[in-house]
Amino acid sequence: MANMMLFACTTTLKESKDYYPGQFPLEDVLLLDGPFKRARDLNIEVLLKFNVDCFLH
């Protein structure tokens, strides 16, 4: 039998606002025409072609 190790974590998880103090809601972001918008649109287009049942399987 392989040796197994178990580590206990005593630190608590920080909220994302602790890591990113200047964060803002995504609704406040507007992508203008450019490489980031084209990449986002391409990602959406490709993801919509997936069969959801197969993707989840």
PDB file of N, CA and C in Angstrom:
ATOM      1  N   MET A   1       0.851  -1.174   0.000  1.00  0.00           N
ATOM      2  CA  MET A   1       0.000   0.000   0.000  1.00  0.00           C
ATOM      3  C   MET A   1       0.899   1.240   0.000  1.00  0.00           C
ATOM      4  N   ALA A   2       0.553   2.187  -0.785  1.00  0.00           N
ATOM      5  CA  ALA A   2       1.355   3.409  -0.885  1.00  0.00           C
ATOM      6  C   ALA A   2       1.194   4.246   0.384  1.00  0.00           C
ATOM      7  N   ASN A   3       2.277   4.885   0.755  1.00  0.00           N
ATOM      8  CA  ASN A   3       2.203   5.791   1.904  1.00  0.00           C
ATOM      9  C   ASN A   3       1.347   6.994   1.545  1.00  0.00           C
ATOM     10  N   MET A   4       0.480   7.367   2.434  1.00  0.00           N
ATOM     11  CA  MET A   4      -0.377   8.518   2.175  1.00  0.00           C
ATOM     12  C   MET A   4      -0.101   9.572   3.233  1.00  0.00           C
ATOM     13  N   MET A   5      -0.104  10.797   2.817  1.00  0.00           N
ATOM     14  CA  MET A   5       0.125  11.915   3.731  1.00  0.00           C
ATOM     15  C   MET A   5      -1.113  12.790   3.751  1.00  0.00           C
ATOM     16  N   LEU A   6      -1.430  13.289   4.890  1.00  0.00           N
ATOM     17  CA  LEU A   6      -2.571  14.171   5.036  1.00  0.00           C
ATOM     18  C   LEU A   6      -2.088  15.450   5.700  1.00  0.00           C
ATOM     19  N   PHE A   7      -2.353  16.557   5.050  1.00  0.00           N
ATOM     20  CA  PHE A   7      -1.948  17.848   5.578  1.00  0.00           C
ATOM     21  C   PHE A   7      -3.187  18.609   6.006  1.00  0.00           C
ATOM     22  N   ALA A   8      -3.128  19.199   7.157  1.00  0.00           N
ATOM     23  CA  ALA A   8      -4.238  20.023   7.645  1.00  0.00           C
ATOM     24  C   ALA A   8      -3.899  21.478   7.382  1.00  0.00           C
ATOM     25  N   CYS A   9      -4.855  22.159   6.865  1.00  0.00           N
ATOM     26  CA  CYS A   9      -4.659  23.577   6.563  1.00  0.00           C
ATOM     27  C   CYS A   9      -5.347  24.397   7.653  1.00  0.00           C
ATOM     28  N   THR A  10      -4.575  25.232   8.301  1.00  0.00           N
ATOM     29  CA  THR A  10      -5.155  26.026   9.384  1.00  0.00           C
ATOM     30  C   THR A  10      -5.472  27.453   8.947  1.00  0.00           C
ATOM     31  N   THR A  11      -5.069  27.818   7.741  1.00  0.00           N
ATOM     32  CA  THR A  11      -5.357  29.169   7.281  1.00  0.00           C
ATOM     33  C   THR A  11      -6.775  29.219   6.714  1.00  0.00           C
ATOM     34  N   THR A  12      -7.383  30.350   6.809  1.00  0.00           N
ATOM     35  CA  THR A  12      -8.717  30.519   6.255  1.00  0.00           C
ATOM     36  C   THR A  12      -8.596  31.115   4.858  1.00  0.00           C
ATOM     37  N   LEU A  13      -9.580  30.831   4.046  1.00  0.00           N
ATOM     38  CA  LEU A  13      -9.586  31.380   2.702  1.00  0.00           C
ATOM     39  C   LEU A  13      -9.986  32.846   2.754  1.00  0.00           C
ATOM     40  N   LYS A  14      -9.246  33.643   2.018  1.00  0.00           N
ATOM     41  CA  LYS A  14      -9.586  35.067   1.941  1.00  0.00           C
ATOM     42  C   LYS A  14     -10.611  35.279   0.845  1.00  0.00           C
ATOM     43  N   GLU A  15     -11.399  36.293   1.012  1.00  0.00           N
ATOM     44  CA  GLU A  15     -12.331  36.654  -0.049  1.00  0.00           C
ATOM     45  C   GLU A  15     -11.546  37.286  -1.187  1.00  0.00           C
ATOM     46  N   SER A  16     -12.110  37.227  -2.384  1.00  0.00           N
ATOM     47  CA  SER A  16     -11.405  37.768  -3.540  1.00  0.00           C
ATOM     48  C   SER A  16     -11.123  39.257  -3.379  1.00  0.00           C
ATOM     49  N   LYS A  17     -11.973  39.976  -2.649  1.00  0.00           N
ATOM     50  CA  LYS A  17     -11.740  41.409  -2.461  1.00  0.00           C
ATOM     51  C   LYS A  17     -10.468  41.659  -1.656  1.00  0.00           C
ATOM     52  N   ASP A  18     -10.047  40.669  -0.852  1.00  0.00           N
ATOM     53  CA  ASP A  18      -8.802  40.810  -0.104  1.00  0.00           C
ATOM     54  C   ASP A  18      -7.592  40.711  -1.030  1.00  0.00           C
ATOM     55  N   TYR A  19      -7.716  39.900  -2.071  1.00  0.00           N
ATOM     56  CA  TYR A  19      -6.619  39.744  -3.025  1.00  0.00           C
ATOM     57  C   TYR A  19      -6.604  40.859  -4.071  1.00  0.00           C
ATOM     58  N   TYR A  20      -7.773  41.337  -4.422  1.00  0.00           N
ATOM     59  CA  TYR A  20      -7.912  42.364  -5.451  1.00  0.00           C
ATOM     60  C   TYR A  20      -8.675  43.545  -4.883  1.00  0.00           C
ATOM     61  N   PRO A  21      -8.028  44.395  -4.117  1.00  0.00           N
ATOM     62  CA  PRO A  21      -8.748  45.464  -3.429  1.00  0.00           C
ATOM     63  C   PRO A  21      -9.400  46.478  -4.373  1.00  0.00           C
ATOM     64  N   GLY A  22      -8.908  46.609  -5.583  1.00  0.00           N
ATOM     65  CA  GLY A  22      -9.477  47.590  -6.500  1.00  0.00           C
ATOM     66  C   GLY A  22     -10.452  46.990  -7.486  1.00  0.00           C
ATOM     67  N   GLN A  23     -11.023  45.824  -7.150  1.00  0.00           N
ATOM     68  CA  GLN A  23     -11.908  45.161  -8.105  1.00  0.00           C
ATOM     69  C   GLN A  23     -13.217  45.922  -8.259  1.00  0.00           C
ATOM     70  N   PHE A  24     -13.881  45.666  -9.367  1.00  0.00           N
ATOM     71  CA  PHE A  24     -15.151  46.312  -9.670  1.00  0.00           C
ATOM     72  C   PHE A  24     -16.044  45.291 -10.359  1.00  0.00           C
ATOM     73  N   PRO A  25     -17.342  45.522 -10.388  1.00  0.00           N
ATOM     74  CA  PRO A  25     -18.266  44.560 -11.005  1.00  0.00           C
ATOM     75  C   PRO A  25     -17.998  44.411 -12.507  1.00  0.00           C
ATOM     76  N   LEU A  26     -18.119  43.187 -13.014  1.00  0.00           N
ATOM     77  CA  LEU A  26     -17.912  42.949 -14.437  1.00  0.00           C
ATOM     78  C   LEU A  26     -18.923  43.696 -15.296  1.00  0.00           C
ATOM     79  N   GLU A  27     -20.069  44.014 -14.714  1.00  0.00           N
ATOM     80  CA  GLU A  27     -21.075  44.767 -15.479  1.00  0.00           C
ATOM     81  C   GLU A  27     -20.563  46.162 -15.846  1.00  0.00           C
ATOM     82  N   ASP A  28     -19.545  46.627 -15.135  1.00  0.00           N
ATOM     83  CA  ASP A  28     -18.985  47.951 -15.403  1.00  0.00           C
ATOM     84  C   ASP A  28     -17.961  47.931 -16.538  1.00  0.00           C
ATOM     85  N   VAL A  29     -17.687  46.747 -17.104  1.00  0.00           N
ATOM     86  CA  VAL A  29     -16.673  46.621 -18.154  1.00  0.00           C
ATOM     87  C   VAL A  29     -17.353  46.592 -19.508  1.00  0.00           C
ATOM     88  N   LEU A  30     -16.861  47.381 -20.428  1.00  0.00           N
ATOM     89  CA  LEU A  30     -17.355  47.402 -21.799  1.00  0.00           C
ATOM     90  C   LEU A  30     -16.167  47.192 -22.721  1.00  0.00           C
ATOM     91  N   LEU A  31     -16.184  46.100 -23.486  1.00  0.00           N
ATOM     92  CA  LEU A  31     -15.100  45.840 -24.423  1.00  0.00           C
ATOM     93  C   LEU A  31     -15.399  46.545 -25.742  1.00  0.00           C
ATOM     94  N   LEU A  32     -14.481  47.370 -26.173  1.00  0.00           N
ATOM     95  CA  LEU A  32     -14.595  48.022 -27.466  1.00  0.00           C
ATOM     96  C   LEU A  32     -13.981  47.123 -28.526  1.00  0.00           C
ATOM     97  N   ASP A  33     -14.188  47.454 -29.805  1.00  0.00           N
ATOM     98  CA  ASP A  33     -13.588  46.661 -30.870  1.00  0.00           C
ATOM     99  C   ASP A  33     -12.087  46.587 -30.668  1.00  0.00           C
ATOM    100  N   GLY A  34     -11.573  45.391 -30.738  1.00  0.00           N
ATOM    101  CA  GLY A  34     -10.147  45.172 -30.534  1.00  0.00           C
ATOM    102  C   GLY A  34      -9.877  43.698 -30.305  1.00  0.00           C
ATOM    103  N   PRO A  35      -8.641  43.357 -30.000  1.00  0.00           N
ATOM    104  CA  PRO A  35      -8.280  41.940 -29.873  1.00  0.00           C
ATOM    105  C   PRO A  35      -8.987  41.227 -28.716  1.00  0.00           C
ATOM    106  N   PHE A  36      -9.243  41.903 -27.621  1.00  0.00           N
ATOM    107  CA  PHE A  36      -9.907  41.248 -26.497  1.00  0.00           C
ATOM    108  C   PHE A  36     -11.366  40.948 -26.811  1.00  0.00           C
ATOM    109  N   LYS A  37     -12.038  41.866 -27.473  1.00  0.00           N
ATOM    110  CA  LYS A  37     -13.433  41.631 -27.850  1.00  0.00           C
ATOM    111  C   LYS A  37     -13.530  40.525 -28.889  1.00  0.00           C
ATOM    112  N   ARG A  38     -12.617  40.516 -29.855  1.00  0.00           N
ATOM    113  CA  ARG A  38     -12.633  39.455 -30.869  1.00  0.00           C
ATOM    114  C   ARG A  38     -12.369  38.094 -30.224  1.00  0.00           C
ATOM    115  N   ALA A  39     -11.448  38.031 -29.270  1.00  0.00           N
ATOM    116  CA  ALA A  39     -11.150  36.778 -28.577  1.00  0.00           C
ATOM    117  C   ALA A  39     -12.357  36.316 -27.774  1.00  0.00           C
ATOM    118  N   ARG A  40     -13.014  37.246 -27.099  1.00  0.00           N
ATOM    119  CA  ARG A  40     -14.199  36.892 -26.320  1.00  0.00           C
ATOM    120  C   ARG A  40     -15.305  36.360 -27.221  1.00  0.00           C
ATOM    121  N   ASP A  41     -15.538  37.059 -28.337  1.00  0.00           N
ATOM    122  CA  ASP A  41     -16.585  36.643 -29.268  1.00  0.00           C
ATOM    123  C   ASP A  41     -16.278  35.268 -29.865  1.00  0.00           C
ATOM    124  N   LEU A  42     -15.010  35.011 -30.175  1.00  0.00           N
ATOM    125  CA  LEU A  42     -14.623  33.712 -30.718  1.00  0.00           C
ATOM    126  C   LEU A  42     -14.818  32.617 -29.680  1.00  0.00           C
ATOM    127  N   ASN A  43     -14.471  32.887 -28.427  1.00  0.00           N
ATOM    128  CA  ASN A  43     -14.682  31.908 -27.361  1.00  0.00           C
ATOM    129  C   ASN A  43     -16.156  31.566 -27.210  1.00  0.00           C
ATOM    130  N   ILE A  44     -17.003  32.581 -27.238  1.00  0.00           N
ATOM    131  CA  ILE A  44     -18.443  32.359 -27.111  1.00  0.00           C
ATOM    132  C   ILE A  44     -18.944  31.523 -28.282  1.00  0.00           C
ATOM    133  N   GLU A  45     -18.500  31.862 -29.491  1.00  0.00           N
ATOM    134  CA  GLU A  45     -18.924  31.143 -30.689  1.00  0.00           C
ATOM    135  C   GLU A  45     -18.536  29.665 -30.613  1.00  0.00           C
ATOM    136  N   VAL A  46     -17.317  29.385 -30.201  1.00  0.00           N
ATOM    137  CA  VAL A  46     -16.846  27.998 -30.111  1.00  0.00           C
ATOM    138  C   VAL A  46     -17.587  27.249 -29.009  1.00  0.00           C
ATOM    139  N   LEU A  47     -17.752  27.857 -27.846  1.00  0.00           N
ATOM    140  CA  LEU A  47     -18.427  27.184 -26.737  1.00  0.00           C
ATOM    141  C   LEU A  47     -19.877  26.859 -27.058  1.00  0.00           C
ATOM    142  N   LEU A  48     -20.536  27.706 -27.831  1.00  0.00           N
ATOM    143  CA  LEU A  48     -21.932  27.456 -28.186  1.00  0.00           C
ATOM    144  C   LEU A  48     -22.090  26.286 -29.150  1.00  0.00           C
ATOM    145  N   LYS A  49     -21.009  25.858 -29.798  1.00  0.00           N
ATOM    146  CA  LYS A  49     -21.058  24.724 -30.725  1.00  0.00           C
ATOM    147  C   LYS A  49     -20.980  23.386 -29.992  1.00  0.00           C
ATOM    148  N   PHE A  50     -20.575  23.372 -28.721  1.00  0.00           N
ATOM    149  CA  PHE A  50     -20.461  22.141 -27.969  1.00  0.00           C
ATOM    150  C   PHE A  50     -21.832  21.579 -27.647  1.00  0.00           C
ATOM    151  N   ASN A  51     -21.939  20.276 -27.671  1.00  0.00           N
ATOM    152  CA  ASN A  51     -23.134  19.595 -27.199  1.00  0.00           C
ATOM    153  C   ASN A  51     -23.041  19.589 -25.675  1.00  0.00           C
ATOM    154  N   VAL A  52     -23.971  20.222 -25.016  1.00  0.00           N
ATOM    155  CA  VAL A  52     -23.906  20.400 -23.574  1.00  0.00           C
ATOM    156  C   VAL A  52     -23.874  19.054 -22.852  1.00  0.00           C
ATOM    157  N   ASP A  53     -24.662  18.095 -23.291  1.00  0.00           N
ATOM    158  CA  ASP A  53     -24.702  16.794 -22.625  1.00  0.00           C
ATOM    159  C   ASP A  53     -23.344  16.098 -22.718  1.00  0.00           C
ATOM    160  N   CYS A  54     -22.720  16.150 -23.883  1.00  0.00           N
ATOM    161  CA  CYS A  54     -21.392  15.532 -24.040  1.00  0.00           C
ATOM    162  C   CYS A  54     -20.356  16.293 -23.243  1.00  0.00           C
ATOM    163  N   PHE A  55     -20.481  17.591 -23.211  1.00  0.00           N
ATOM    164  CA  PHE A  55     -19.524  18.423 -22.472  1.00  0.00           C
ATOM    165  C   PHE A  55     -19.571  18.085 -20.987  1.00  0.00           C
ATOM    166  N   LEU A  56     -20.767  17.904 -20.430  1.00  0.00           N
ATOM    167  CA  LEU A  56     -20.916  17.599 -19.015  1.00  0.00           C
ATOM    168  C   LEU A  56     -20.516  16.159 -18.689  1.00  0.00           C
ATOM    169  N   HIS A  57     -20.652  15.289 -19.678  1.00  0.00           N
ATOM    170  CA  HIS A  57     -20.320  13.888 -19.465  1.00  0.00           C
ATOM    171  C   HIS A  57     -18.841  13.773 -19.237  1.00  0.00           C
TER     172      HIS A  57
END
